[in-house]
Amino acid sequence: MEKQFDLIVAIVGRGFSDLVMDAARAAGASGGTILHGRGTGVHEAAQFFGIAIQPEKEIVLILARSEERRAIMAAIAEGAGLNTQGRGLTFSLPVDQVSGIVHLLSPTQP
C-alpha cells in the first residue's frame, strides 16, 4: 500500500507559529497542531544575569497528503523565513496509517 500522508514538523521560536500556519494554509494545509517546548542545543542557552535561559519554541505538526508535502514545506520555509540562520527548521516523516481525519480520507478508505 502506498503511503498517502506525511507529517510535517516545523520547529520555530515562540511567536512564529502563526507565520508557519498562515503559509501552510495558503499552500493547501487544512490545519495543524501547535505544541510548546524549549531548546536544549549547544547554541540555545543564553545568559541573563548569569542565569542560563533556554529559548521557548513552538512545534507545529501538520498532517498533509503526500503529494502536497513539498509545496507546504516550501511555503513554510519562505513564509516563516526558515532559510535565515536561527529561524527554525522543518522536516517531514512518512505516515503509514491514520484515523480520525475523515475530512482528509478518501471515500474508499475505512
PDB file of N, CA and C in Angstrom:
ATOM      1  N   MET A   1       0.836  -1.190   0.000  1.00  0.00           N
ATOM      2  CA  MET A   1       0.000   0.000   0.000  1.00  0.00           C
ATOM      3  C   MET A   1       0.877   1.248   0.000  1.00  0.00           C
ATOM      4  N   GLU A   2       0.600   2.141  -0.890  1.00  0.00           N
ATOM      5  CA  GLU A   2       1.359   3.370  -0.992  1.00  0.00           C
ATOM      6  C   GLU A   2       0.920   4.351   0.089  1.00  0.00           C
ATOM      7  N   LYS A   3       1.890   5.014   0.710  1.00  0.00           N
ATOM      8  CA  LYS A   3       1.529   5.960   1.767  1.00  0.00           C
ATOM      9  C   LYS A   3       0.813   7.167   1.164  1.00  0.00           C
ATOM     10  N   GLN A   4      -0.164   7.649   1.895  1.00  0.00           N
ATOM     11  CA  GLN A   4      -0.954   8.781   1.415  1.00  0.00           C
ATOM     12  C   GLN A   4      -0.651  10.067   2.166  1.00  0.00           C
ATOM     13  N   PHE A   5      -0.041   9.951   3.365  1.00  0.00           N
ATOM     14  CA  PHE A   5       0.144  11.125   4.202  1.00  0.00           C
ATOM     15  C   PHE A   5       1.574  11.239   4.710  1.00  0.00           C
ATOM     16  N   ASP A   6       1.954  12.471   5.000  1.00  0.00           N
ATOM     17  CA  ASP A   6       3.221  12.775   5.646  1.00  0.00           C
ATOM     18  C   ASP A   6       2.934  13.709   6.817  1.00  0.00           C
ATOM     19  N   LEU A   7       3.755  13.598   7.838  1.00  0.00           N
ATOM     20  CA  LEU A   7       3.684  14.524   8.963  1.00  0.00           C
ATOM     21  C   LEU A   7       4.762  15.566   8.755  1.00  0.00           C
ATOM     22  N   ILE A   8       4.358  16.807   8.636  1.00  0.00           N
ATOM     23  CA  ILE A   8       5.295  17.922   8.513  1.00  0.00           C
ATOM     24  C   ILE A   8       5.496  18.496   9.905  1.00  0.00           C
ATOM     25  N   VAL A   9       6.749  18.633  10.303  1.00  0.00           N
ATOM     26  CA  VAL A   9       7.107  19.185  11.607  1.00  0.00           C
ATOM     27  C   VAL A   9       7.899  20.456  11.374  1.00  0.00           C
ATOM     28  N   ALA A  10       7.470  21.535  11.990  1.00  0.00           N
ATOM     29  CA  ALA A  10       8.214  22.798  11.938  1.00  0.00           C
ATOM     30  C   ALA A  10       8.513  23.213  13.378  1.00  0.00           C
ATOM     31  N   ILE A  11       9.773  23.517  13.651  1.00  0.00           N
ATOM     32  CA  ILE A  11      10.184  23.962  14.980  1.00  0.00           C
ATOM     33  C   ILE A  11      10.692  25.385  14.826  1.00  0.00           C
ATOM     34  N   VAL A  12      10.009  26.314  15.483  1.00  0.00           N
ATOM     35  CA  VAL A  12      10.328  27.732  15.350  1.00  0.00           C
ATOM     36  C   VAL A  12      10.339  28.391  16.730  1.00  0.00           C
ATOM     37  N   GLY A  13      10.862  29.587  16.793  1.00  0.00           N
ATOM     38  CA  GLY A  13      10.859  30.342  18.037  1.00  0.00           C
ATOM     39  C   GLY A  13       9.446  30.725  18.435  1.00  0.00           C
ATOM     40  N   ARG A  14       9.281  30.966  19.723  1.00  0.00           N
ATOM     41  CA  ARG A  14       7.971  31.345  20.244  1.00  0.00           C
ATOM     42  C   ARG A  14       7.444  32.571  19.497  1.00  0.00           C
ATOM     43  N   GLY A  15       6.183  32.490  19.093  1.00  0.00           N
ATOM     44  CA  GLY A  15       5.552  33.603  18.399  1.00  0.00           C
ATOM     45  C   GLY A  15       5.573  33.489  16.885  1.00  0.00           C
ATOM     46  N   PHE A  16       6.279  32.497  16.338  1.00  0.00           N
ATOM     47  CA  PHE A  16       6.382  32.354  14.896  1.00  0.00           C
ATOM     48  C   PHE A  16       5.453  31.288  14.320  1.00  0.00           C
ATOM     49  N   SER A  17       4.715  30.580  15.168  1.00  0.00           N
ATOM     50  CA  SER A  17       3.852  29.512  14.659  1.00  0.00           C
ATOM     51  C   SER A  17       2.725  30.054  13.779  1.00  0.00           C
ATOM     52  N   ASP A  18       2.271  31.271  14.008  1.00  0.00           N
ATOM     53  CA  ASP A  18       1.230  31.849  13.150  1.00  0.00           C
ATOM     54  C   ASP A  18       1.741  32.030  11.726  1.00  0.00           C
ATOM     55  N   LEU A  19       3.009  32.432  11.577  1.00  0.00           N
ATOM     56  CA  LEU A  19       3.594  32.551  10.237  1.00  0.00           C
ATOM     57  C   LEU A  19       3.645  31.192   9.549  1.00  0.00           C
ATOM     58  N   VAL A  20       4.012  30.170  10.313  1.00  0.00           N
ATOM     59  CA  VAL A  20       4.062  28.811   9.770  1.00  0.00           C
ATOM     60  C   VAL A  20       2.683  28.378   9.302  1.00  0.00           C
ATOM     61  N   MET A  21       1.678  28.540  10.146  1.00  0.00           N
ATOM     62  CA  MET A  21       0.330  28.086   9.803  1.00  0.00           C
ATOM     63  C   MET A  21      -0.275  28.903   8.666  1.00  0.00           C
ATOM     64  N   ASP A  22      -0.045  30.197   8.639  1.00  0.00           N
ATOM     65  CA  ASP A  22      -0.561  31.021   7.537  1.00  0.00           C
ATOM     66  C   ASP A  22       0.016  30.555   6.205  1.00  0.00           C
ATOM     67  N   ALA A  23       1.324  30.315   6.183  1.00  0.00           N
ATOM     68  CA  ALA A  23       1.981  29.852   4.953  1.00  0.00           C
ATOM     69  C   ALA A  23       1.494  28.463   4.564  1.00  0.00           C
ATOM     70  N   ALA A  24       1.359  27.574   5.541  1.00  0.00           N
ATOM     71  CA  ALA A  24       0.922  26.207   5.266  1.00  0.00           C
ATOM     72  C   ALA A  24      -0.507  26.186   4.715  1.00  0.00           C
ATOM     73  N   ARG A  25      -1.382  26.973   5.308  1.00  0.00           N
ATOM     74  CA  ARG A  25      -2.770  27.021   4.824  1.00  0.00           C
ATOM     75  C   ARG A  25      -2.837  27.565   3.400  1.00  0.00           C
ATOM     76  N   ALA A  26      -2.027  28.593   3.116  1.00  0.00           N
ATOM     77  CA  ALA A  26      -2.010  29.165   1.768  1.00  0.00           C
ATOM     78  C   ALA A  26      -1.545  28.138   0.737  1.00  0.00           C
ATOM     79  N   ALA A  27      -0.752  27.148   1.173  1.00  0.00           N
ATOM     80  CA  ALA A  27      -0.241  26.115   0.272  1.00  0.00           C
ATOM     81  C   ALA A  27      -1.116  24.865   0.258  1.00  0.00           C
ATOM     82  N   GLY A  28      -2.225  24.870   1.004  1.00  0.00           N
ATOM     83  CA  GLY A  28      -3.157  23.757   0.939  1.00  0.00           C
ATOM     84  C   GLY A  28      -3.355  22.954   2.205  1.00  0.00           C
ATOM     85  N   ALA A  29      -2.629  23.240   3.277  1.00  0.00           N
ATOM     86  CA  ALA A  29      -2.822  22.506   4.534  1.00  0.00           C
ATOM     87  C   ALA A  29      -4.181  22.866   5.122  1.00  0.00           C
ATOM     88  N   SER A  30      -4.832  21.872   5.725  1.00  0.00           N
ATOM     89  CA  SER A  30      -6.159  22.129   6.290  1.00  0.00           C
ATOM     90  C   SER A  30      -6.102  22.553   7.751  1.00  0.00           C
ATOM     91  N   GLY A  31      -4.972  22.400   8.402  1.00  0.00           N
ATOM     92  CA  GLY A  31      -4.839  22.792   9.800  1.00  0.00           C
ATOM     93  C   GLY A  31      -3.578  22.199  10.388  1.00  0.00           C
ATOM     94  N   GLY A  32      -3.412  22.368  11.674  1.00  0.00           N
ATOM     95  CA  GLY A  32      -2.223  21.856  12.340  1.00  0.00           C
ATOM     96  C   GLY A  32      -2.386  21.888  13.846  1.00  0.00           C
ATOM     97  N   THR A  33      -1.391  21.381  14.531  1.00  0.00           N
ATOM     98  CA  THR A  33      -1.363  21.376  15.990  1.00  0.00           C
ATOM     99  C   THR A  33      -0.086  22.060  16.444  1.00  0.00           C
ATOM    100  N   ILE A  34      -0.205  22.936  17.424  1.00  0.00           N
ATOM    101  CA  ILE A  34       0.953  23.673  17.935  1.00  0.00           C
ATOM    102  C   ILE A  34       1.254  23.206  19.348  1.00  0.00           C
ATOM    103  N   LEU A  35       2.492  22.792  19.561  1.00  0.00           N
ATOM    104  CA  LEU A  35       2.977  22.370  20.873  1.00  0.00           C
ATOM    105  C   LEU A  35       4.024  23.358  21.347  1.00  0.00           C
ATOM    106  N   HIS A  36       4.151  23.496  22.648  1.00  0.00           N
ATOM    107  CA  HIS A  36       5.157  24.389  23.212  1.00  0.00           C
ATOM    108  C   HIS A  36       6.318  23.568  23.749  1.00  0.00           C
ATOM    109  N   GLY A  37       7.524  24.091  23.587  1.00  0.00           N
ATOM    110  CA  GLY A  37       8.722  23.402  24.057  1.00  0.00           C
ATOM    111  C   GLY A  37       9.824  24.409  24.345  1.00  0.00           C
ATOM    112  N   ARG A  38      11.019  23.881  24.597  1.00  0.00           N
ATOM    113  CA  ARG A  38      12.177  24.755  24.787  1.00  0.00           C
ATOM    114  C   ARG A  38      13.393  24.088  24.193  1.00  0.00           C
ATOM    115  N   GLY A  39      14.313  24.883  23.708  1.00  0.00           N
ATOM    116  CA  GLY A  39      15.515  24.365  23.079  1.00  0.00           C
ATOM    117  C   GLY A  39      16.547  23.926  24.103  1.00  0.00           C
ATOM    118  N   THR A  40      17.327  22.916  23.743  1.00  0.00           N
ATOM    119  CA  THR A  40      18.396  22.447  24.627  1.00  0.00           C
ATOM    120  C   THR A  40      19.709  22.291  23.887  1.00  0.00           C
ATOM    121  N   GLY A  41      19.803  22.787  22.670  1.00  0.00           N
ATOM    122  CA  GLY A  41      21.009  22.640  21.867  1.00  0.00           C
ATOM    123  C   GLY A  41      22.168  23.467  22.404  1.00  0.00           C
ATOM    124  N   VAL A  42      23.346  23.214  21.850  1.00  0.00           N
ATOM    125  CA  VAL A  42      24.580  23.899  22.255  1.00  0.00           C
ATOM    126  C   VAL A  42      24.442  25.403  22.121  1.00  0.00           C
ATOM    127  N   HIS A  43      23.798  25.853  21.052  1.00  0.00           N
ATOM    128  CA  HIS A  43      23.693  27.286  20.792  1.00  0.00           C
ATOM    129  C   HIS A  43      22.418  27.904  21.355  1.00  0.00           C
ATOM    130  N   GLU A  44      21.629  27.135  22.073  1.00  0.00           N
ATOM    131  CA  GLU A  44      20.337  27.617  22.554  1.00  0.00           C
ATOM    132  C   GLU A  44      20.422  28.437  23.839  1.00  0.00           C
ATOM    133  N   ALA A  45      21.295  28.060  24.756  1.00  0.00           N
ATOM    134  CA  ALA A  45      21.326  28.703  26.074  1.00  0.00           C
ATOM    135  C   ALA A  45      21.882  30.122  25.976  1.00  0.00           C
ATOM    136  N   ALA A  46      21.183  31.056  26.570  1.00  0.00           N
ATOM    137  CA  ALA A  46      21.635  32.439  26.663  1.00  0.00           C
ATOM    138  C   ALA A  46      21.811  32.771  28.139  1.00  0.00           C
ATOM    139  N   GLN A  47      22.665  33.710  28.417  1.00  0.00           N
ATOM    140  CA  GLN A  47      22.902  34.113  29.804  1.00  0.00           C
ATOM    141  C   GLN A  47      22.203  35.434  30.085  1.00  0.00           C
ATOM    142  N   PHE A  48      21.513  35.490  31.206  1.00  0.00           N
ATOM    143  CA  PHE A  48      20.871  36.724  31.646  1.00  0.00           C
ATOM    144  C   PHE A  48      21.174  36.861  33.123  1.00  0.00           C
ATOM    145  N   PHE A  49      22.014  37.813  33.487  1.00  0.00           N
ATOM    146  CA  PHE A  49      22.479  37.987  34.863  1.00  0.00           C
ATOM    147  C   PHE A  49      23.058  36.694  35.426  1.00  0.00           C
ATOM    148  N   GLY A  50      23.801  35.978  34.562  1.00  0.00           N
ATOM    149  CA  GLY A  50      24.460  34.758  35.000  1.00  0.00           C
ATOM    150  C   GLY A  50      23.573  33.527  35.073  1.00  0.00           C
ATOM    151  N   ILE A  51      22.306  33.645  34.675  1.00  0.00           N
ATOM    152  CA  ILE A  51      21.382  32.514  34.704  1.00  0.00           C
ATOM    153  C   ILE A  51      21.137  32.053  33.269  1.00  0.00           C
ATOM    154  N   ALA A  52      21.316  30.759  33.033  1.00  0.00           N
ATOM    155  CA  ALA A  52      21.083  30.211  31.698  1.00  0.00           C
ATOM    156  C   ALA A  52      19.592  30.201  31.396  1.00  0.00           C
ATOM    157  N   ILE A  53      19.226  30.738  30.244  1.00  0.00           N
ATOM    158  CA  ILE A  53      17.834  30.788  29.810  1.00  0.00           C
ATOM    159  C   ILE A  53      17.717  29.989  28.521  1.00  0.00           C
ATOM    160  N   GLN A  54      16.790  29.055  28.494  1.00  0.00           N
ATOM    161  CA  GLN A  54      16.545  28.251  27.298  1.00  0.00           C
ATOM    162  C   GLN A  54      15.409  28.905  26.512  1.00  0.00           C
ATOM    163  N   PRO A  55      15.649  29.260  25.263  1.00  0.00           N
ATOM    164  CA  PRO A  55      14.594  29.893  24.460  1.00  0.00           C
ATOM    165  C   PRO A  55      13.390  28.970  24.278  1.00  0.00           C
ATOM    166  N   GLU A  56      12.209  29.557  24.363  1.00  0.00           N
ATOM    167  CA  GLU A  56      10.987  28.789  24.163  1.00  0.00           C
ATOM    168  C   GLU A  56      10.760  28.571  22.672  1.00  0.00           C
ATOM    169  N   LYS A  57      10.236  27.405  22.347  1.00  0.00           N
ATOM    170  CA  LYS A  57       9.976  27.015  20.967  1.00  0.00           C
ATOM    171  C   LYS A  57       8.509  26.682  20.786  1.00  0.00           C
ATOM    172  N   GLU A  58       8.089  26.689  19.539  1.00  0.00           N
ATOM    173  CA  GLU A  58       6.777  26.191  19.171  1.00  0.00           C
ATOM    174  C   GLU A  58       6.989  25.129  18.101  1.00  0.00           C
ATOM    175  N   ILE A  59       6.339  24.000  18.283  1.00  0.00           N
ATOM    176  CA  ILE A  59       6.436  22.888  17.348  1.00  0.00           C
ATOM    177  C   ILE A  59       5.086  22.780  16.651  1.00  0.00           C
ATOM    178  N   VAL A  60       5.108  22.886  15.341  1.00  0.00           N
ATOM    179  CA  VAL A  60       3.881  22.824  14.553  1.00  0.00           C
ATOM    180  C   VAL A  60       3.848  21.479  13.842  1.00  0.00           C
ATOM    181  N   LEU A  61       2.765  20.735  14.050  1.00  0.00           N
ATOM    182  CA  LEU A  61       2.563  19.433  13.419  1.00  0.00           C
ATOM    183  C   LEU A  61       1.438  19.550  12.402  1.00  0.00           C
ATOM    184  N   ILE A  62       1.718  19.154  11.171  1.00  0.00           N
ATOM    185  CA  ILE A  62       0.722  19.242  10.105  1.00  0.00           C
ATOM    186  C   ILE A  62       0.679  17.895   9.388  1.00  0.00           C
ATOM    187  N   LEU A  63      -0.483  17.271   9.376  1.00  0.00           N
ATOM    188  CA  LEU A  63      -0.684  16.052   8.615  1.00  0.00           C
ATOM    189  C   LEU A  63      -1.174  16.464   7.235  1.00  0.00           C
ATOM    190  N   ALA A  64      -0.427  16.079   6.213  1.00  0.00           N
ATOM    191  CA  ALA A  64      -0.760  16.506   4.848  1.00  0.00           C
ATOM    192  C   ALA A  64      -0.707  15.324   3.897  1.00  0.00           C
ATOM    193  N   ARG A  65      -1.440  15.431   2.822  1.00  0.00           N
ATOM    194  CA  ARG A  65      -1.335  14.424   1.763  1.00  0.00           C
ATOM    195  C   ARG A  65       0.090  14.446   1.219  1.00  0.00           C
ATOM    196  N   SER A  66       0.613  13.277   0.900  1.00  0.00           N
ATOM    197  CA  SER A  66       1.998  13.169   0.438  1.00  0.00           C
ATOM    198  C   SER A  66       2.291  14.055  -0.765  1.00  0.00           C
ATOM    199  N   GLU A  67       1.330  14.145  -1.688  1.00  0.00           N
ATOM    200  CA  GLU A  67       1.567  14.956  -2.895  1.00  0.00           C
ATOM    201  C   GLU A  67       1.566  16.457  -2.611  1.00  0.00           C
ATOM    202  N   GLU A  68       1.095  16.883  -1.446  1.00  0.00           N
ATOM    203  CA  GLU A  68       1.081  18.302  -1.075  1.00  0.00           C
ATOM    204  C   GLU A  68       2.267  18.691  -0.193  1.00  0.00           C
ATOM    205  N   ARG A  69       3.001  17.708   0.303  1.00  0.00           N
ATOM    206  CA  ARG A  69       4.073  17.943   1.278  1.00  0.00           C
ATOM    207  C   ARG A  69       5.118  18.948   0.798  1.00  0.00           C
ATOM    208  N   ARG A  70       5.662  18.762  -0.378  1.00  0.00           N
ATOM    209  CA  ARG A  70       6.743  19.648  -0.855  1.00  0.00           C
ATOM    210  C   ARG A  70       6.284  21.100  -0.939  1.00  0.00           C
ATOM    211  N   ALA A  71       5.097  21.326  -1.486  1.00  0.00           N
ATOM    212  CA  ALA A  71       4.590  22.693  -1.625  1.00  0.00           C
ATOM    213  C   ALA A  71       4.365  23.336  -0.260  1.00  0.00           C
ATOM    214  N   ILE A  72       3.828  22.579   0.677  1.00  0.00           N
ATOM    215  CA  ILE A  72       3.578  23.106   2.015  1.00  0.00           C
ATOM    216  C   ILE A  72       4.894  23.430   2.715  1.00  0.00           C
ATOM    217  N   MET A  73       5.861  22.523   2.628  1.00  0.00           N
ATOM    218  CA  MET A  73       7.149  22.768   3.278  1.00  0.00           C
ATOM    219  C   MET A  73       7.875  23.963   2.662  1.00  0.00           C
ATOM    220  N   ALA A  74       7.809  24.101   1.345  1.00  0.00           N
ATOM    221  CA  ALA A  74       8.438  25.255   0.683  1.00  0.00           C
ATOM    222  C   ALA A  74       7.772  26.555   1.124  1.00  0.00           C
ATOM    223  N   ALA A  75       6.440  26.531   1.241  1.00  0.00           N
ATOM    224  CA  ALA A  75       5.711  27.729   1.683  1.00  0.00           C
ATOM    225  C   ALA A  75       6.075  28.084   3.126  1.00  0.00           C
ATOM    226  N   ILE A  76       6.214  27.073   3.979  1.00  0.00           N
ATOM    227  CA  ILE A  76       6.602  27.322   5.371  1.00  0.00           C
ATOM    228  C   ILE A  76       7.997  27.936   5.427  1.00  0.00           C
ATOM    229  N   ALA A  77       8.932  27.356   4.679  1.00  0.00           N
ATOM    230  CA  ALA A  77      10.307  27.872   4.679  1.00  0.00           C
ATOM    231  C   ALA A  77      10.341  29.334   4.235  1.00  0.00           C
ATOM    232  N   GLU A  78       9.568  29.650   3.208  1.00  0.00           N
ATOM    233  CA  GLU A  78       9.522  31.024   2.703  1.00  0.00           C
ATOM    234  C   GLU A  78       8.771  31.950   3.667  1.00  0.00           C
ATOM    235  N   GLY A  79       7.573  31.545   4.076  1.00  0.00           N
ATOM    236  CA  GLY A  79       6.716  32.393   4.901  1.00  0.00           C
ATOM    237  C   GLY A  79       7.249  32.651   6.292  1.00  0.00           C
ATOM    238  N   ALA A  80       7.920  31.670   6.888  1.00  0.00           N
ATOM    239  CA  ALA A  80       8.451  31.833   8.245  1.00  0.00           C
ATOM    240  C   ALA A  80       9.937  32.187   8.235  1.00  0.00           C
ATOM    241  N   GLY A  81      10.514  32.352   7.054  1.00  0.00           N
ATOM    242  CA  GLY A  81      11.913  32.752   6.957  1.00  0.00           C
ATOM    243  C   GLY A  81      12.898  31.698   7.438  1.00  0.00           C
ATOM    244  N   LEU A  82      12.589  30.426   7.209  1.00  0.00           N
ATOM    245  CA  LEU A  82      13.442  29.354   7.717  1.00  0.00           C
ATOM    246  C   LEU A  82      14.761  29.232   6.971  1.00  0.00           C
ATOM    247  N   ASN A  83      14.917  29.945   5.857  1.00  0.00           N
ATOM    248  CA  ASN A  83      16.196  29.940   5.154  1.00  0.00           C
ATOM    249  C   ASN A  83      17.185  30.932   5.764  1.00  0.00           C
ATOM    250  N   THR A  84      16.773  31.599   6.839  1.00  0.00           N
ATOM    251  CA  THR A  84      17.636  32.503   7.596  1.00  0.00           C
ATOM    252  C   THR A  84      18.149  31.747   8.813  1.00  0.00           C
ATOM    253  N   GLN A  85      19.441  31.832   9.062  1.00  0.00           N
ATOM    254  CA  GLN A  85      20.035  31.095  10.177  1.00  0.00           C
ATOM    255  C   GLN A  85      19.355  31.445  11.501  1.00  0.00           C
ATOM    256  N   GLY A  86      19.037  30.409  12.265  1.00  0.00           N
ATOM    257  CA  GLY A  86      18.464  30.595  13.588  1.00  0.00           C
ATOM    258  C   GLY A  86      16.965  30.793  13.629  1.00  0.00           C
ATOM    259  N   ARG A  87      16.281  30.754  12.496  1.00  0.00           N
ATOM    260  CA  ARG A  87      14.834  30.990  12.486  1.00  0.00           C
ATOM    261  C   ARG A  87      14.018  29.733  12.738  1.00  0.00           C
ATOM    262  N   GLY A  88      14.617  28.566  12.575  1.00  0.00           N
ATOM    263  CA  GLY A  88      13.899  27.335  12.814  1.00  0.00           C
ATOM    264  C   GLY A  88      14.194  26.314  11.737  1.00  0.00           C
ATOM    265  N   LEU A  89      13.424  25.230  11.772  1.00  0.00           N
ATOM    266  CA  LEU A  89      13.616  24.175  10.782  1.00  0.00           C
ATOM    267  C   LEU A  89      12.301  23.467  10.532  1.00  0.00           C
ATOM    268  N   THR A  90      12.261  22.747   9.433  1.00  0.00           N
ATOM    269  CA  THR A  90      11.105  21.926   9.110  1.00  0.00           C
ATOM    270  C   THR A  90      11.594  20.627   8.489  1.00  0.00           C
ATOM    271  N   PHE A  91      10.861  19.557   8.759  1.00  0.00           N
ATOM    272  CA  PHE A  91      11.161  18.266   8.168  1.00  0.00           C
ATOM    273  C   PHE A  91       9.868  17.468   8.102  1.00  0.00           C
ATOM    274  N   SER A  92       9.908  16.341   7.388  1.00  0.00           N
ATOM    275  CA  SER A  92       8.708  15.524   7.275  1.00  0.00           C
ATOM    276  C   SER A  92       9.027  14.072   7.578  1.00  0.00           C
ATOM    277  N   LEU A  93       7.989  13.362   7.983  1.00  0.00           N
ATOM    278  CA  LEU A  93       8.079  11.939   8.283  1.00  0.00           C
ATOM    279  C   LEU A  93       6.942  11.222   7.561  1.00  0.00           C
ATOM    280  N   PRO A  94       7.213  10.041   7.010  1.00  0.00           N
ATOM    281  CA  PRO A  94       6.126   9.305   6.372  1.00  0.00           C
ATOM    282  C   PRO A  94       5.154   8.772   7.423  1.00  0.00           C
ATOM    283  N   VAL A  95       3.890   8.720   7.069  1.00  0.00           N
ATOM    284  CA  VAL A  95       2.849   8.213   7.956  1.00  0.00           C
ATOM    285  C   VAL A  95       2.246   6.977   7.304  1.00  0.00           C
ATOM    286  N   ASP A  96       2.270   5.869   8.029  1.00  0.00           N
ATOM    287  CA  ASP A  96       1.770   4.616   7.486  1.00  0.00           C
ATOM    288  C   ASP A  96       0.261   4.462   7.599  1.00  0.00           C
ATOM    289  N   GLN A  97      -0.313   4.943   8.688  1.00  0.00           N
ATOM    290  CA  GLN A  97      -1.739   4.726   8.920  1.00  0.00           C
ATOM    291  C   GLN A  97      -2.300   5.903   9.703  1.00  0.00           C
ATOM    292  N   VAL A  98      -3.528   6.280   9.388  1.00  0.00           N
ATOM    293  CA  VAL A  98      -4.189   7.375  10.095  1.00  0.00           C
ATOM    294  C   VAL A  98      -5.628   7.003  10.395  1.00  0.00           C
ATOM    295  N   SER A  99      -6.204   7.651  11.378  1.00  0.00           N
ATOM    296  CA  SER A  99      -7.628   7.565  11.639  1.00  0.00           C
ATOM    297  C   SER A  99      -8.042   8.868  12.296  1.00  0.00           C
ATOM    298  N   GLY A 100      -9.326   9.164  12.239  1.00  0.00           N
ATOM    299  CA  GLY A 100      -9.833  10.369  12.876  1.00  0.00           C
ATOM    300  C   GLY A 100      -9.723  11.629  12.038  1.00  0.00           C
ATOM    301  N   ILE A 101      -9.329  11.506  10.790  1.00  0.00           N
ATOM    302  CA  ILE A 101      -9.242  12.689   9.919  1.00  0.00           C
ATOM    303  C   ILE A 101     -10.161  12.487   8.715  1.00  0.00           C
ATOM    304  N   VAL A 102     -11.410  12.321   9.001  1.00  0.00           N
ATOM    305  CA  VAL A 102     -12.407  11.985   7.981  1.00  0.00           C
ATOM    306  C   VAL A 102     -12.382  12.976   6.815  1.00  0.00           C
ATOM    307  N   HIS A 103     -12.123  14.237   7.101  1.00  0.00           N
ATOM    308  CA  HIS A 103     -12.128  15.238   6.053  1.00  0.00           C
ATOM    309  C   HIS A 103     -10.981  15.065   5.062  1.00  0.00           C
ATOM    310  N   LEU A 104      -9.913  14.335   5.418  1.00  0.00           N
ATOM    311  CA  LEU A 104      -8.792  14.111   4.516  1.00  0.00           C
ATOM    312  C   LEU A 104      -8.791  12.736   3.851  1.00  0.00           C
ATOM    313  N   LEU A 105      -9.539  11.797   4.415  1.00  0.00           N
ATOM    314  CA  LEU A 105      -9.532  10.443   3.888  1.00  0.00           C
ATOM    315  C   LEU A 105     -10.397  10.324   2.632  1.00  0.00           C
ATOM    316  N   SER A 106      -9.943   9.506   1.707  1.00  0.00           N
ATOM    317  CA  SER A 106     -10.730   9.271   0.505  1.00  0.00           C
ATOM    318  C   SER A 106     -11.927   8.396   0.856  1.00  0.00           C
ATOM    319  N   PRO A 107     -13.007   8.464   0.074  1.00  0.00           N
ATOM    320  CA  PRO A 107     -14.208   7.686   0.372  1.00  0.00           C
ATOM    321  C   PRO A 107     -13.974   6.175   0.355  1.00  0.00           C
ATOM    322  N   THR A 108     -12.952   5.698  -0.330  1.00  0.00           N
ATOM    323  CA  THR A 108     -12.708   4.260  -0.411  1.00  0.00           C
ATOM    324  C   THR A 108     -11.913   3.721   0.759  1.00  0.00           C
ATOM    325  N   GLN A 109     -11.352   4.614   1.580  1.00  0.00           N
ATOM    326  CA  GLN A 109     -10.537   4.186   2.703  1.00  0.00           C
ATOM    327  C   GLN A 109     -11.409   4.075   3.960  1.00  0.00           C
ATOM    328  N   PRO A 110     -11.229   3.009   4.796  1.00  0.00           N
ATOM    329  CA  PRO A 110     -12.050   2.867   6.002  1.00  0.00           C
ATOM    330  C   PRO A 110     -11.732   3.929   7.031  1.00  0.00           C
TER     331      PRO A 110
END
